[in-house]
C-alpha atoms as a PDB file:
ATOM      1  CA  MET A   1     126.826 179.859 238.914  1.00  0.00           C
ATOM      2  CA  ARG A   2     123.078 179.624 238.213  1.00  0.00           C
ATOM      3  CA  TRP A   3     122.057 178.316 241.596  1.00  0.00           C
ATOM      4  CA  GLN A   4     122.999 181.543 243.455  1.00  0.00           C
ATOM      5  CA  SER A   5     119.409 182.782 242.970  1.00  0.00           C
ATOM      6  CA  GLN A   6     117.494 179.637 243.932  1.00  0.00           C
ATOM      7  CA  THR A   7     114.277 179.568 245.902  1.00  0.00           C
ATOM      8  CA  LEU A   8     113.286 176.649 248.137  1.00  0.00           C
ATOM      9  CA  ASP A   9     109.810 176.433 246.634  1.00  0.00           C
ATOM     10  CA  ALA A  10     111.044 175.667 243.090  1.00  0.00           C
ATOM     11  CA  ASP A  11     110.382 172.447 241.338  1.00  0.00           C
ATOM     12  CA  ASP A  12     113.450 170.179 241.086  1.00  0.00           C
ATOM     13  CA  GLY A  13     112.278 167.454 238.654  1.00  0.00           C
ATOM     14  CA  ALA A  14     115.009 165.180 239.905  1.00  0.00           C
ATOM     15  CA  LEU A  15     117.768 165.751 237.372  1.00  0.00           C
ATOM     16  CA  PRO A  16     117.284 168.870 235.135  1.00  0.00           C
ATOM     17  CA  GLY A  17     119.617 171.246 236.973  1.00  0.00           C
ATOM     18  CA  LEU A  18     120.116 173.339 240.057  1.00  0.00           C
ATOM     19  CA  GLU A  19     118.238 176.236 238.549  1.00  0.00           C
ATOM     20  CA  ARG A  20     115.277 174.402 239.812  1.00  0.00           C
ATOM     21  CA  ALA A  21     116.553 173.237 243.183  1.00  0.00           C
ATOM     22  CA  GLY A  22     116.902 174.855 246.635  1.00  0.00           C
ATOM     23  CA  PHE A  23     120.489 175.828 247.223  1.00  0.00           C
ATOM     24  CA  VAL A  24     121.416 175.734 250.801  1.00  0.00           C
ATOM     25  CA  ARG A  25     125.190 176.078 251.211  1.00  0.00           C
ATOM     26  CA  SER A  26     128.596 174.953 249.911  1.00  0.00           C
ATOM     27  CA  VAL A  27     130.877 172.913 252.225  1.00  0.00           C
ATOM     28  CA  GLN A  28     134.492 171.951 252.230  1.00  0.00           C
ATOM     29  CA  THR A  29     136.098 169.584 254.783  1.00  0.00           C
ATOM     30  CA  PRO A  30     139.648 168.273 255.303  1.00  0.00           C
ATOM     31  CA  ASP A  31     138.347 164.700 255.113  1.00  0.00           C
ATOM     32  CA  PHE A  32     137.505 165.326 251.318  1.00  0.00           C
ATOM     33  CA  GLU A  33     140.443 167.560 250.222  1.00  0.00           C
ATOM     34  CA  GLY A  34     139.850 169.221 246.854  1.00  0.00           C
ATOM     35  CA  ILE A  35     136.077 168.478 246.943  1.00  0.00           C
ATOM     36  CA  THR A  36     133.246 171.011 247.455  1.00  0.00           C
ATOM     37  CA  PHE A  37     129.767 169.809 248.335  1.00  0.00           C
ATOM     38  CA  HIS A  38     126.891 171.993 247.197  1.00  0.00           C
ATOM     39  CA  GLU A  39     123.928 171.125 249.524  1.00  0.00           C
ATOM     40  CA  VAL A  40     120.519 171.481 247.946  1.00  0.00           C
ATOM     41  CA  LEU A  41     116.895 170.831 249.046  1.00  0.00           C
ATOM     42  CA  CYS A  42     115.174 168.970 246.282  1.00  0.00           C
ATOM     43  CA  LYS A  43     111.500 169.023 245.557  1.00  0.00           C
ATOM     44  CA  SER A  44     111.421 165.650 243.836  1.00  0.00           C
ATOM     45  CA  ALA A  45     113.423 162.380 244.362  1.00  0.00           C
ATOM     46  CA  LEU A  46     111.936 160.172 241.626  1.00  0.00           C
ATOM     47  CA  ASN A  47     113.001 160.748 237.981  1.00  0.00           C
ATOM     48  CA  LYS A  48     110.624 159.206 235.391  1.00  0.00           C
ATOM     49  CA  VAL A  49     112.338 157.121 232.724  1.00  0.00           C
ATOM     50  CA  THR A  50     111.003 157.608 229.175  1.00  0.00           C
ATOM     51  CA  ASP A  51     112.382 154.685 227.256  1.00  0.00           C
ATOM     52  CA  GLY A  52     109.405 153.269 225.538  1.00  0.00           C
ATOM     53  CA  GLY A  53     109.251 150.290 227.914  1.00  0.00           C
ATOM     54  CA  THR A  54     112.477 148.592 226.892  1.00  0.00           C
ATOM     55  CA  LEU A  55     114.023 148.664 230.425  1.00  0.00           C
ATOM     56  CA  PRO A  56     112.854 146.785 233.500  1.00  0.00           C
ATOM     57  CA  PHE A  57     112.358 149.905 235.644  1.00  0.00           C
ATOM     58  CA  ALA A  58     110.413 153.067 235.162  1.00  0.00           C
ATOM     59  CA  TRP A  59     112.030 155.333 237.667  1.00  0.00           C
ATOM     60  CA  THR A  60     115.434 156.317 238.847  1.00  0.00           C
ATOM     61  CA  ILE A  61     116.854 158.178 241.890  1.00  0.00           C
ATOM     62  CA  ASN A  62     119.982 160.357 241.752  1.00  0.00           C
ATOM     63  CA  PRO A  63     120.914 161.499 245.350  1.00  0.00           C
ATOM     64  CA  MET A  64     123.890 163.466 243.964  1.00  0.00           C
ATOM     65  CA  ARG A  65     125.293 165.072 240.825  1.00  0.00           C
ATOM     66  CA  GLY A  66     128.945 164.902 239.953  1.00  0.00           C
ATOM     67  CA  CYS A  67     131.154 162.022 241.075  1.00  0.00           C
ATOM     68  CA  SER A  68     134.419 161.903 242.948  1.00  0.00           C
ATOM     69  CA  HIS A  69     135.226 158.602 241.287  1.00  0.00           C
ATOM     70  CA  ALA A  70     136.645 160.739 238.671  1.00  0.00           C
ATOM     71  CA  CYS A  71     136.421 158.162 235.833  1.00  0.00           C
ATOM     72  CA  ARG A  72     137.717 159.684 232.618  1.00  0.00           C
ATOM     73  CA  TYR A  73     135.228 157.720 230.539  1.00  0.00           C
ATOM     74  CA  CYS A  74     132.092 158.597 232.526  1.00  0.00           C
ATOM     75  CA  PHE A  75     129.134 159.259 230.326  1.00  0.00           C
ATOM     76  CA  ALA A  76     127.289 161.507 232.772  1.00  0.00           C
ATOM     77  CA  ARG A  77     129.840 164.224 232.631  1.00  0.00           C
ATOM     78  CA  GLY A  78     127.870 166.588 230.362  1.00  0.00           C
ATOM     79  CA  THR A  79     125.081 166.869 232.937  1.00  0.00           C
ATOM     80  CA  HIS A  80     127.387 169.145 234.973  1.00  0.00           C
ATOM     81  CA  GLU A  81     127.239 171.755 232.075  1.00  0.00           C
ATOM     82  CA  TYR A  82     123.680 172.486 232.882  1.00  0.00           C
ATOM     83  CA  LEU A  83     124.932 173.978 236.202  1.00  0.00           C
ATOM     84  CA  ASP A  84     127.507 176.304 234.475  1.00  0.00           C
ATOM     85  CA  LEU A  85     130.163 173.890 235.701  1.00  0.00           C
ATOM     86  CA  ASP A  86     132.536 172.051 233.404  1.00  0.00           C
ATOM     87  CA  ALA A  87     132.453 168.388 232.514  1.00  0.00           C
ATOM     88  CA  GLY A  88     136.020 167.757 233.567  1.00  0.00           C
ATOM     89  CA  GLU A  89     137.475 168.716 236.870  1.00  0.00           C
ATOM     90  CA  ASP A  90     134.257 170.315 238.187  1.00  0.00           C
ATOM     91  CA  PHE A  91     132.458 167.079 237.595  1.00  0.00           C
ATOM     92  CA  ASP A  92     134.978 165.279 239.826  1.00  0.00           C
ATOM     93  CA  SER A  93     135.164 167.780 242.527  1.00  0.00           C
ATOM     94  CA  GLN A  94     131.962 169.933 242.622  1.00  0.00           C
ATOM     95  CA  ILE A  95     129.458 167.430 244.096  1.00  0.00           C
ATOM     96  CA  VAL A  96     125.787 168.432 244.370  1.00  0.00           C
ATOM     97  CA  VAL A  97     123.968 166.650 247.229  1.00  0.00           C
ATOM     98  CA  LYS A  98     120.214 166.373 247.701  1.00  0.00           C
ATOM     99  CA  THR A  99     120.299 166.345 251.406  1.00  0.00           C
ATOM    100  CA  ASN A 100     116.570 165.894 251.884  1.00  0.00           C
ATOM    101  CA  VAL A 101     116.121 163.207 249.190  1.00  0.00           C
ATOM    102  CA  SER A 102     115.068 160.448 251.685  1.00  0.00           C
ATOM    103  CA  ALA A 103     112.220 162.570 253.067  1.00  0.00           C
ATOM    104  CA  VAL A 104     111.021 163.763 249.710  1.00  0.00           C
ATOM    105  CA  LEU A 105     111.217 160.262 248.472  1.00  0.00           C
ATOM    106  CA  ARG A 106     109.141 158.866 251.388  1.00  0.00           C
ATOM    107  CA  ARG A 107     106.456 161.514 250.621  1.00  0.00           C
ATOM    108  CA  GLU A 108     106.322 160.667 246.898  1.00  0.00           C
ATOM    109  CA  LEU A 109     106.136 156.885 247.639  1.00  0.00           C
ATOM    110  CA  HIS A 110     103.052 157.524 249.912  1.00  0.00           C
ATOM    111  CA  ARG A 111     101.074 159.072 247.129  1.00  0.00           C
ATOM    112  CA  ARG A 112      97.943 157.165 246.045  1.00  0.00           C
ATOM    113  CA  SER A 113      99.066 157.353 242.441  1.00  0.00           C
ATOM    114  CA  TRP A 114     102.339 155.449 243.238  1.00  0.00           C
ATOM    115  CA  ARG A 115     102.223 151.940 241.486  1.00  0.00           C
ATOM    116  CA  ARG A 116     105.291 150.504 243.097  1.00  0.00           C
ATOM    117  CA  GLU A 117     107.255 150.235 239.825  1.00  0.00           C
ATOM    118  CA  THR A 118     110.806 149.323 239.981  1.00  0.00           C
ATOM    119  CA  VAL A 119     113.308 152.050 240.903  1.00  0.00           C
ATOM    120  CA  ALA A 120     116.951 151.963 239.777  1.00  0.00           C
ATOM    121  CA  LEU A 121     119.982 153.660 241.480  1.00  0.00           C
ATOM    122  CA  GLY A 122     123.271 154.139 239.962  1.00  0.00           C
ATOM    123  CA  THR A 123     122.219 154.805 236.388  1.00  0.00           C
ATOM    124  CA  ASN A 124     123.754 158.316 236.276  1.00  0.00           C
ATOM    125  CA  THR A 125     126.305 158.967 239.095  1.00  0.00           C
ATOM    126  CA  ASP A 126     127.204 156.539 241.756  1.00  0.00           C
ATOM    127  CA  PRO A 127     125.082 156.577 245.014  1.00  0.00           C
ATOM    128  CA  TYR A 128     127.933 155.011 246.826  1.00  0.00           C
ATOM    129  CA  GLN A 129     130.779 157.417 245.962  1.00  0.00           C
ATOM    130  CA  ARG A 130     132.679 158.758 248.920  1.00  0.00           C
ATOM    131  CA  ALA A 131     130.230 161.572 249.800  1.00  0.00           C
ATOM    132  CA  GLU A 132     127.722 158.861 250.860  1.00  0.00           C
ATOM    133  CA  GLY A 133     130.049 158.230 253.755  1.00  0.00           C
ATOM    134  CA  ARG A 134     129.432 161.772 254.948  1.00  0.00           C
ATOM    135  CA  TYR A 135     125.803 162.245 254.150  1.00  0.00           C
ATOM    136  CA  ARG A 136     124.358 158.727 254.706  1.00  0.00           C
ATOM    137  CA  LEU A 137     121.531 159.214 252.200  1.00  0.00           C
ATOM    138  CA  MET A 138     121.196 155.573 251.128  1.00  0.00           C
ATOM    139  CA  PRO A 139     119.822 153.983 254.308  1.00  0.00           C
ATOM    140  CA  GLY A 140     116.885 156.303 254.225  1.00  0.00           C
ATOM    141  CA  ILE A 141     116.353 155.694 250.512  1.00  0.00           C
ATOM    142  CA  ILE A 142     116.548 151.939 250.991  1.00  0.00           C
ATOM    143  CA  GLY A 143     114.184 152.099 253.970  1.00  0.00           C
ATOM    144  CA  ALA A 144     111.615 154.290 252.183  1.00  0.00           C
ATOM    145  CA  LEU A 145     111.555 151.992 249.125  1.00  0.00           C
ATOM    146  CA  THR A 146     111.265 148.797 251.269  1.00  0.00           C
ATOM    147  CA  GLU A 147     108.432 150.215 253.478  1.00  0.00           C
ATOM    148  CA  SER A 148     106.537 151.194 250.467  1.00  0.00           C
ATOM    149  CA  GLY A 149     106.864 147.791 248.793  1.00  0.00           C
ATOM    150  CA  THR A 150     108.916 149.124 245.958  1.00  0.00           C
ATOM    151  CA  GLY A 151     111.544 146.870 244.341  1.00  0.00           C
ATOM    152  CA  PHE A 152     114.828 148.456 243.359  1.00  0.00           C
ATOM    153  CA  SER A 153     118.303 147.947 241.784  1.00  0.00           C
ATOM    154  CA  ILE A 154     121.632 149.521 242.568  1.00  0.00           C
ATOM    155  CA  LEU A 155     124.766 149.610 240.316  1.00  0.00           C
ATOM    156  CA  THR A 156     127.904 150.802 241.993  1.00  0.00           C
ATOM    157  CA  LYS A 157     131.747 150.955 242.120  1.00  0.00           C
ATOM    158  CA  GLY A 158     131.606 151.922 245.719  1.00  0.00           C
ATOM    159  CA  THR A 159     132.582 149.424 248.401  1.00  0.00           C
ATOM    160  CA  LEU A 160     130.693 151.554 250.884  1.00  0.00           C
ATOM    161  CA  LEU A 161     127.679 149.524 249.808  1.00  0.00           C
ATOM    162  CA  ARG A 162     128.983 146.876 252.281  1.00  0.00           C
ATOM    163  CA  ARG A 163     127.887 149.159 255.115  1.00  0.00           C
ATOM    164  CA  ASP A 164     124.253 148.771 254.133  1.00  0.00           C
ATOM    165  CA  LEU A 165     124.335 145.006 253.516  1.00  0.00           C
ATOM    166  CA  PRO A 166     122.239 144.282 256.516  1.00  0.00           C
ATOM    167  CA  LEU A 167     119.663 146.736 255.335  1.00  0.00           C
ATOM    168  CA  LEU A 168     119.776 145.335 251.862  1.00  0.00           C
ATOM    169  CA  THR A 169     119.428 141.725 253.081  1.00  0.00           C
ATOM    170  CA  GLN A 170     116.323 142.827 255.137  1.00  0.00           C
ATOM    171  CA  ALA A 171     114.924 144.673 252.130  1.00  0.00           C
ATOM    172  CA  ALA A 172     115.233 141.566 249.909  1.00  0.00           C
ATOM    173  CA  GLN A 173     112.976 139.693 252.214  1.00  0.00           C
ATOM    174  CA  GLN A 174     110.226 142.143 251.379  1.00  0.00           C
ATOM    175  CA  VAL A 175     110.816 143.466 247.947  1.00  0.00           C
ATOM    176  CA  PRO A 176     112.884 142.535 244.843  1.00  0.00           C
ATOM    177  CA  VAL A 177     116.443 143.835 245.271  1.00  0.00           C
ATOM    178  CA  ARG A 178     119.031 143.579 242.365  1.00  0.00           C
ATOM    179  CA  LEU A 179     122.672 144.528 243.006  1.00  0.00           C
ATOM    180  CA  ALA A 180     125.365 144.952 240.437  1.00  0.00           C
ATOM    181  CA  VAL A 181     129.072 146.115 240.670  1.00  0.00           C
ATOM    182  CA  SER A 182     131.067 147.751 237.888  1.00  0.00           C
ATOM    183  CA  ILE A 183     134.640 146.340 237.390  1.00  0.00           C
ATOM    184  CA  ALA A 184     136.347 147.031 234.071  1.00  0.00           C
ATOM    185  CA  ILE A 185     140.099 147.333 234.776  1.00  0.00           C
ATOM    186  CA  LEU A 186     142.567 145.153 236.597  1.00  0.00           C
ATOM    187  CA  ASP A 187     145.776 146.829 235.577  1.00  0.00           C
ATOM    188  CA  PRO A 188     146.833 149.164 238.560  1.00  0.00           C
ATOM    189  CA  GLU A 189     148.440 151.838 236.193  1.00  0.00           C
ATOM    190  CA  LEU A 190     145.355 152.107 234.137  1.00  0.00           C
ATOM    191  CA  HIS A 191     143.093 152.079 237.173  1.00  0.00           C
ATOM    192  CA  ARG A 192     145.025 155.017 238.592  1.00  0.00           C
ATOM    193  CA  GLY A 193     144.997 156.888 235.258  1.00  0.00           C
ATOM    194  CA  LEU A 194     141.313 156.302 234.300  1.00  0.00           C
ATOM    195  CA  GLU A 195     139.360 155.984 237.524  1.00  0.00           C
ATOM    196  CA  ALA A 196     141.520 157.345 240.276  1.00  0.00           C
ATOM    197  CA  GLY A 197     138.805 158.051 242.757  1.00  0.00           C
ATOM    198  CA  THR A 198     137.304 154.603 242.770  1.00  0.00           C
ATOM    199  CA  PRO A 199     138.046 151.697 245.162  1.00  0.00           C
ATOM    200  CA  SER A 200     140.709 149.221 243.811  1.00  0.00           C
ATOM    201  CA  PRO A 201     139.480 146.397 241.503  1.00  0.00           C
ATOM    202  CA  LYS A 202     140.541 144.038 244.295  1.00  0.00           C
ATOM    203  CA  ALA A 203     138.283 145.700 246.732  1.00  0.00           C
ATOM    204  CA  ARG A 204     135.367 145.561 244.326  1.00  0.00           C
ATOM    205  CA  LEU A 205     135.947 141.929 243.726  1.00  0.00           C
ATOM    206  CA  GLU A 206     135.727 141.427 247.466  1.00  0.00           C
ATOM    207  CA  LEU A 207     132.486 143.350 247.432  1.00  0.00           C
ATOM    208  CA  VAL A 208     131.208 140.861 244.857  1.00  0.00           C
ATOM    209  CA  ARG A 209     132.062 138.003 247.141  1.00  0.00           C
ATOM    210  CA  ALA A 210     130.559 139.612 250.165  1.00  0.00           C
ATOM    211  CA  LEU A 211     127.130 140.260 248.454  1.00  0.00           C
ATOM    212  CA  THR A 212     127.237 136.785 246.843  1.00  0.00           C
ATOM    213  CA  ASP A 213     127.838 135.207 250.315  1.00  0.00           C
ATOM    214  CA  ALA A 214     124.840 137.302 251.696  1.00  0.00           C
ATOM    215  CA  GLY A 215     122.658 135.480 249.123  1.00  0.00           C
ATOM    216  CA  PHE A 216     122.410 138.021 246.266  1.00  0.00           C
ATOM    217  CA  ALA A 217     122.894 137.036 242.653  1.00  0.00           C
ATOM    218  CA  VAL A 218     125.394 139.754 241.695  1.00  0.00           C
ATOM    219  CA  ASN A 219     125.801 140.902 238.118  1.00  0.00           C
ATOM    220  CA  VAL A 220     129.079 142.592 237.114  1.00  0.00           C
ATOM    221  CA  MET A 221     129.383 145.239 234.509  1.00  0.00           C
ATOM    222  CA  VAL A 222     132.612 144.943 232.586  1.00  0.00           C
ATOM    223  CA  ALA A 223     132.265 148.464 231.166  1.00  0.00           C
ATOM    224  CA  PRO A 224     133.689 150.174 229.508  1.00  0.00           C
ATOM    225  CA  VAL A 225     135.962 147.995 227.557  1.00  0.00           C
ATOM    226  CA  ILE A 226     138.522 150.529 226.355  1.00  0.00           C
ATOM    227  CA  PRO A 227     139.707 149.813 222.800  1.00  0.00           C
ATOM    228  CA  TYR A 228     143.365 148.823 222.549  1.00  0.00           C
ATOM    229  CA  LEU A 229     143.948 149.229 226.211  1.00  0.00           C
ATOM    230  CA  THR A 230     141.614 146.739 228.085  1.00  0.00           C
ATOM    231  CA  ASP A 231     140.335 144.610 225.126  1.00  0.00           C
ATOM    232  CA  GLY A 232     143.305 142.153 225.054  1.00  0.00           C
ATOM    233  CA  ARG A 233     142.496 138.566 225.454  1.00  0.00           C
ATOM    234  CA  ALA A 234     144.882 138.043 228.460  1.00  0.00           C
ATOM    235  CA  HIS A 235     143.292 140.980 230.326  1.00  0.00           C
ATOM    236  CA  LEU A 236     139.663 140.001 229.705  1.00  0.00           C
ATOM    237  CA  ASP A 237     140.460 136.433 230.578  1.00  0.00           C
ATOM    238  CA  GLU A 238     142.027 137.394 233.796  1.00  0.00           C
ATOM    239  CA  LEU A 239     139.281 139.844 234.640  1.00  0.00           C
ATOM    240  CA  LEU A 240     136.468 137.477 233.912  1.00  0.00           C
ATOM    241  CA  GLY A 241     138.270 134.677 235.838  1.00  0.00           C
ATOM    242  CA  ALA A 242     138.577 136.888 238.877  1.00  0.00           C
ATOM    243  CA  ILE A 243     134.923 137.955 238.527  1.00  0.00           C
ATOM    244  CA  ALA A 244     133.856 134.252 238.327  1.00  0.00           C
ATOM    245  CA  GLU A 245     136.004 133.355 241.357  1.00  0.00           C
ATOM    246  CA  ALA A 246     134.198 136.101 243.300  1.00  0.00           C
ATOM    247  CA  GLY A 247     130.993 134.306 242.739  1.00  0.00           C
ATOM    248  CA  ALA A 248     129.234 136.739 240.172  1.00  0.00           C
ATOM    249  CA  ALA A 249     126.015 135.390 238.633  1.00  0.00           C
ATOM    250  CA  GLY A 250     126.585 136.946 235.316  1.00  0.00           C
ATOM    251  CA  VAL A 251     128.502 139.609 233.318  1.00  0.00           C
ATOM    252  CA  ILE A 252     127.573 142.324 230.852  1.00  0.00           C
ATOM    253  CA  VAL A 253     130.257 143.587 228.617  1.00  0.00           C
ATOM    254  CA  LEU A 254     130.104 147.048 226.836  1.00  0.00           C
ATOM    255  CA  PRO A 255     132.520 148.946 224.830  1.00  0.00           C
ATOM    256  CA  MET A 256     133.393 152.574 225.632  1.00  0.00           C
ATOM    257  CA  ASN A 257     130.948 155.270 224.632  1.00  0.00           C
ATOM    258  CA  LEU A 258     132.362 158.692 224.162  1.00  0.00           C
ATOM    259  CA  ARG A 259     129.364 161.107 223.959  1.00  0.00           C
ATOM    260  CA  GLY A 260     129.346 164.783 224.508  1.00  0.00           C
ATOM    261  CA  SER A 261     131.975 166.340 226.748  1.00  0.00           C
ATOM    262  CA  THR A 262     133.212 162.956 227.850  1.00  0.00           C
ATOM    263  CA  ARG A 263     134.979 162.574 224.396  1.00  0.00           C
ATOM    264  CA  ALA A 264     137.238 165.516 224.761  1.00  0.00           C
ATOM    265  CA  TRP A 265     137.994 164.769 228.467  1.00  0.00           C
ATOM    266  CA  PHE A 266     138.959 161.165 227.664  1.00  0.00           C
ATOM    267  CA  LEU A 267     140.940 162.022 224.522  1.00  0.00           C
ATOM    268  CA  ASP A 268     142.945 164.753 226.397  1.00  0.00           C
ATOM    269  CA  TRP A 269     144.005 161.929 228.812  1.00  0.00           C
ATOM    270  CA  LEU A 270     144.782 159.601 225.885  1.00  0.00           C
ATOM    271  CA  ALA A 271     146.967 162.250 224.159  1.00  0.00           C
ATOM    272  CA  GLU A 272     149.021 162.413 227.182  1.00  0.00           C
ATOM    273  CA  ALA A 273     149.281 158.787 228.305  1.00  0.00           C
ATOM    274  CA  HIS A 274     148.991 157.022 224.989  1.00  0.00           C
ATOM    275  CA  PRO A 275     149.499 159.500 222.139  1.00  0.00           C
ATOM    276  CA  ALA A 276     150.079 156.661 219.626  1.00  0.00           C
ATOM    277  CA  LEU A 277     146.461 155.541 219.945  1.00  0.00           C
ATOM    278  CA  LEU A 278     144.870 158.941 218.941  1.00  0.00           C
ATOM    279  CA  ARG A 279     144.784 158.203 215.243  1.00  0.00           C
ATOM    280  CA  ARG A 280     143.254 154.778 215.796  1.00  0.00           C
ATOM    281  CA  TYR A 281     140.567 156.199 218.133  1.00  0.00           C
ATOM    282  CA  ARG A 282     139.530 158.783 215.576  1.00  0.00           C
ATOM    283  CA  GLN A 283     139.207 156.046 212.976  1.00  0.00           C
ATOM    284  CA  LEU A 284     137.339 153.715 215.461  1.00  0.00           C
ATOM    285  CA  TYR A 285     134.804 156.310 216.635  1.00  0.00           C
ATOM    286  CA  GLY A 286     134.739 158.625 213.633  1.00  0.00           C
ATOM    287  CA  ARG A 287     132.621 161.637 214.489  1.00  0.00           C
ATOM    288  CA  GLY A 288     130.112 159.512 216.503  1.00  0.00           C
ATOM    289  CA  THR A 289     129.946 158.464 220.120  1.00  0.00           C
ATOM    290  CA  SER A 290     130.102 154.645 219.741  1.00  0.00           C
ATOM    291  CA  VAL A 291     132.709 152.236 218.319  1.00  0.00           C
ATOM    292  CA  SER A 292     132.297 150.959 214.787  1.00  0.00           C
ATOM    293  CA  PRO A 293     130.004 147.955 214.180  1.00  0.00           C
ATOM    294  CA  GLU A 294     133.053 145.979 213.061  1.00  0.00           C
ATOM    295  CA  TYR A 295     134.626 146.539 216.515  1.00  0.00           C
ATOM    296  CA  SER A 296     131.560 145.496 218.300  1.00  0.00           C
ATOM    297  CA  ALA A 297     131.438 142.321 216.329  1.00  0.00           C
ATOM    298  CA  TRP A 298     135.055 141.664 216.903  1.00  0.00           C
ATOM    299  CA  LEU A 299     134.609 142.227 220.755  1.00  0.00           C
ATOM    300  CA  ARG A 300     131.618 139.919 220.749  1.00  0.00           C
ATOM    301  CA  GLY A 301     133.755 137.251 219.137  1.00  0.00           C
ATOM    302  CA  ARG A 302     136.472 137.666 221.817  1.00  0.00           C
ATOM    303  CA  ILE A 303     134.106 137.702 224.794  1.00  0.00           C
ATOM    304  CA  GLU A 304     131.811 134.721 223.917  1.00  0.00           C
ATOM    305  CA  PRO A 305     134.384 132.026 224.442  1.00  0.00           C
ATOM    306  CA  LEU A 306     135.629 133.690 227.620  1.00  0.00           C
ATOM    307  CA  LEU A 307     132.178 133.775 229.036  1.00  0.00           C
ATOM    308  CA  GLU A 308     131.809 130.183 228.207  1.00  0.00           C
ATOM    309  CA  LYS A 309     135.177 129.270 229.651  1.00  0.00           C
ATOM    310  CA  HIS A 310     134.388 130.989 233.020  1.00  0.00           C
ATOM    311  CA  ARG A 311     130.769 129.814 233.094  1.00  0.00           C
ATOM    312  CA  LEU A 312     129.452 133.397 233.230  1.00  0.00           C
ATOM    313  CA  ASN A 313     126.907 132.852 230.576  1.00  0.00           C
ATOM    314  CA  ARG A 314     124.871 130.352 232.581  1.00  0.00           C
ATOM    315  CA  ASP A 315     121.204 130.621 232.948  1.00  0.00           C
ATOM    316  CA  ARG A 316     121.000 131.922 229.304  1.00  0.00           C
ATOM    317  CA  GLN A 317     123.051 134.956 230.175  1.00  0.00           C
ATOM    318  CA  ALA A 318     125.100 134.827 226.905  1.00  0.00           C
ATOM    319  CA  GLU A 319     122.458 136.186 224.441  1.00  0.00           C
ATOM    320  CA  PRO A 320     121.667 139.452 226.361  1.00  0.00           C
ATOM    321  CA  GLN A 321     125.374 140.027 226.914  1.00  0.00           C
ATOM    322  CA  VAL A 322     126.056 139.916 223.316  1.00  0.00           C
ATOM    323  CA  ARG A 323     123.329 142.306 222.588  1.00  0.00           C
ATOM    324  CA  ALA A 324     124.596 144.663 225.179  1.00  0.00           C
ATOM    325  CA  ALA A 325     128.131 144.619 223.657  1.00  0.00           C
ATOM    326  CA  GLU A 326     126.613 145.862 220.432  1.00  0.00           C
ATOM    327  CA  SER A 327     124.368 148.270 221.960  1.00  0.00           C
ATOM    328  CA  HIS A 328     124.365 152.046 220.966  1.00  0.00           C
ATOM    329  CA  THR A 329     122.183 152.934 223.849  1.00  0.00           C
ATOM    330  CA  PRO A 330     122.490 156.624 224.771  1.00  0.00           C
ATOM    331  CA  ASP A 331     122.874 155.666 228.446  1.00  0.00           C
ATOM    332  CA  PRO A 332     125.054 152.471 228.302  1.00  0.00           C
ATOM    333  CA  GLN A 333     124.913 151.884 232.058  1.00  0.00           C
ATOM    334  CA  LEU A 334     121.143 151.161 231.697  1.00  0.00           C
ATOM    335  CA  ALA A 335     121.921 148.046 229.652  1.00  0.00           C
ATOM    336  CA  LEU A 336     122.991 146.279 232.792  1.00  0.00           C
ATOM    337  CA  PHE A 337     119.437 146.074 233.930  1.00  0.00           C
ATOM    338  CA  ALA A 338     117.975 145.376 230.418  1.00  0.00           C
END
């Protein structure tokens, strides 16, 4: 793999790949069976977003690469190929950890040029995946952002975020803090097949309730909606009802995007678990990465009355939710904060 010849004085650039990071060691532990952690010393923590000003944040932080959540549909899988790792099992089990990210971030935030622009976490891989329990990177990141007067947002499926709720509550008294939770599947069998490494949907709903009770206006990302598997009215009705019951402030709904290596990894699972759907998927996605415009319009028509029913379009939430459902954004997770 390319990182074997790394030097510690190389420029990281936050996300371009380990060939510009400082490789330290690879670690395996019985507590994380089947997972290898590749520890690196990064030279940069902040990643500049070049979106033309369409998003409400200008920077992201990605403490890790790869994700043990093992979501079959994860759009970030292709980034592992830059490391000479595959986008399938390696993405799930070969986790790159920037062990010094908090210290580097603190240094960057103290630069005179820093303008305290909003920073987003969770736009690529989840900062609260299981490895965070071992490395505890987020408390330092939260502290550095807060002390510098920098507002931030976090999107996660990881219930480990509850550990840092006192820190986040304190931070919210000093800087803007936006928290969002991703919940797309209620069916236990589908959950095990498509996102086996994530906390259960019930546990994530309990996380929404805990954050709401702590005073946060929590958004929930119902994404991805998986065509012909999670787009049924009964499923969406039950899911949105549970989200509303948990106290969520709003919801954004996005159909599944199958870009790059994610497409093959997901379709391999589909061929094994639901072979009868393969032909319909090829028709729905064609040779592209997004569902057809007709499907987006159909989904919008299904979602709108359910959002109204469960009062999840309050505070004029409905219009951006509809736009998000039609989005062909290269990074669909970013739509949550748009």
